Amino acid sequence: MNRGFLAARSLIRVPTRGKALANWARPSIDEIGVPTESWAQVNAKNQTKFNLHLLIGLASITATLTYVFNTVNFNTTPYHLLKNKD
């Protein structure tokens, strides 16, 4: 066997972890709360928030691209150096 392979395997170690808290037990299904609002109302509020974020993002990227295209010289065709065909 290749000694380098054995040496590399000794560097790879999976950590063993204990419990983070003493006397902690996983929650049971009985401890899960009951919904207080309908799914449709919560979903409508979330979609409103997500659409607002989308519109703000689109407006900011549009403003940024407009500013960049108007201020940065992208080295287009140098018409002032080309000879006219008159």
Protein backbone atom coordinates (compact mmCIF):
# COMPACT_ATOMS: atom_id res chain seq x y z
CA MET A 1 0.00 0.00 0.00
CA ASN A 2 0.97 3.57 -0.55
CA ARG A 3 2.24 5.24 2.64
CA GLY A 4 0.94 8.66 1.52
CA PHE A 5 -2.59 7.27 1.40
CA LEU A 6 -2.34 6.01 4.96
CA ALA A 7 -0.92 9.31 6.18
CA ALA A 8 -3.73 11.26 4.51
CA ARG A 9 -6.38 9.06 6.11
CA SER A 10 -5.04 9.83 9.57
CA LEU A 11 -5.62 13.57 8.95
CA ILE A 12 -9.29 13.08 8.11
CA ARG A 13 -11.17 12.73 11.36
CA VAL A 14 -14.89 12.87 11.94
CA PRO A 15 -15.53 14.77 15.16
CA THR A 16 -17.49 13.06 17.90
CA ARG A 17 -19.98 15.37 19.47
CA GLY A 18 -21.90 15.16 22.67
CA LYS A 19 -25.11 16.86 23.65
CA ALA A 20 -24.99 20.63 23.68
CA LEU A 21 -27.25 20.91 26.72
CA ALA A 22 -27.60 18.63 29.70
CA ASN A 23 -31.07 17.19 30.37
CA TRP A 24 -32.31 18.19 26.89
CA ALA A 25 -34.83 16.00 25.14
CA ARG A 26 -36.05 16.26 21.58
CA PRO A 27 -39.47 17.98 21.40
CA SER A 28 -42.45 15.74 20.85
CA ILE A 29 -45.21 16.25 18.30
CA ASP A 30 -47.54 17.36 21.12
CA GLU A 31 -45.38 20.43 21.81
CA ILE A 32 -45.83 21.86 18.31
CA GLY A 33 -48.16 24.86 18.30
CA VAL A 34 -51.47 25.04 16.49
CA PRO A 35 -51.74 27.61 13.67
CA THR A 36 -53.59 30.77 14.67
CA GLU A 37 -54.03 32.27 11.17
CA SER A 38 -55.16 30.70 7.96
CA TRP A 39 -52.50 29.64 5.48
CA ALA A 40 -53.97 31.92 2.79
CA GLN A 41 -53.61 35.07 4.92
CA VAL A 42 -50.03 34.30 5.90
CA ASN A 43 -49.13 33.43 2.30
CA ALA A 44 -50.71 36.66 1.00
CA LYS A 45 -48.68 38.74 3.48
CA ASN A 46 -45.48 36.91 2.55
CA GLN A 47 -46.10 37.34 -1.18
CA THR A 48 -46.71 41.07 -0.69
CA LYS A 49 -43.40 41.38 1.15
CA PHE A 50 -41.54 39.30 -1.44
CA ASN A 51 -43.01 41.31 -4.34
CA LEU A 52 -41.97 44.55 -2.64
CA HIS A 53 -38.41 43.22 -2.30
CA LEU A 54 -38.45 42.19 -5.96
CA LEU A 55 -39.61 45.64 -7.11
CA ILE A 56 -37.01 47.40 -4.97
CA GLY A 57 -34.31 45.11 -6.37
CA LEU A 58 -35.40 45.68 -9.97
CA ALA A 59 -35.55 49.44 -9.46
CA SER A 60 -32.09 49.54 -7.88
CA ILE A 61 -30.46 47.39 -10.58
CA THR A 62 -32.13 49.50 -13.29
CA ALA A 63 -30.88 52.73 -11.70
CA THR A 64 -27.39 51.28 -11.27
CA LEU A 65 -27.15 50.02 -14.86
CA THR A 66 -28.47 53.33 -16.21
CA TYR A 67 -25.87 55.24 -14.22
CA VAL A 68 -23.05 52.93 -15.32
CA PHE A 69 -23.99 53.00 -19.00
CA ASN A 70 -24.20 56.82 -18.94
CA THR A 71 -20.92 57.44 -17.09
CA VAL A 72 -18.51 54.64 -18.07
CA ASN A 73 -16.68 54.77 -21.39
CA PHE A 74 -16.87 51.26 -22.82
CA ASN A 75 -14.32 51.96 -25.62
CA THR A 76 -16.74 51.63 -28.49
CA THR A 77 -15.75 52.06 -32.15
CA PRO A 78 -13.36 55.04 -32.49
CA TYR A 79 -15.24 56.95 -35.18
CA HIS A 80 -12.97 59.96 -34.77
CA LEU A 81 -10.01 57.82 -35.95
CA LEU A 82 -11.75 56.25 -38.96
CA LYS A 83 -11.42 57.85 -42.37
CA ASN A 84 -14.64 59.08 -43.94
CA LYS A 85 -15.65 57.52 -47.26
CA ASP A 86 -16.78 60.82 -48.78
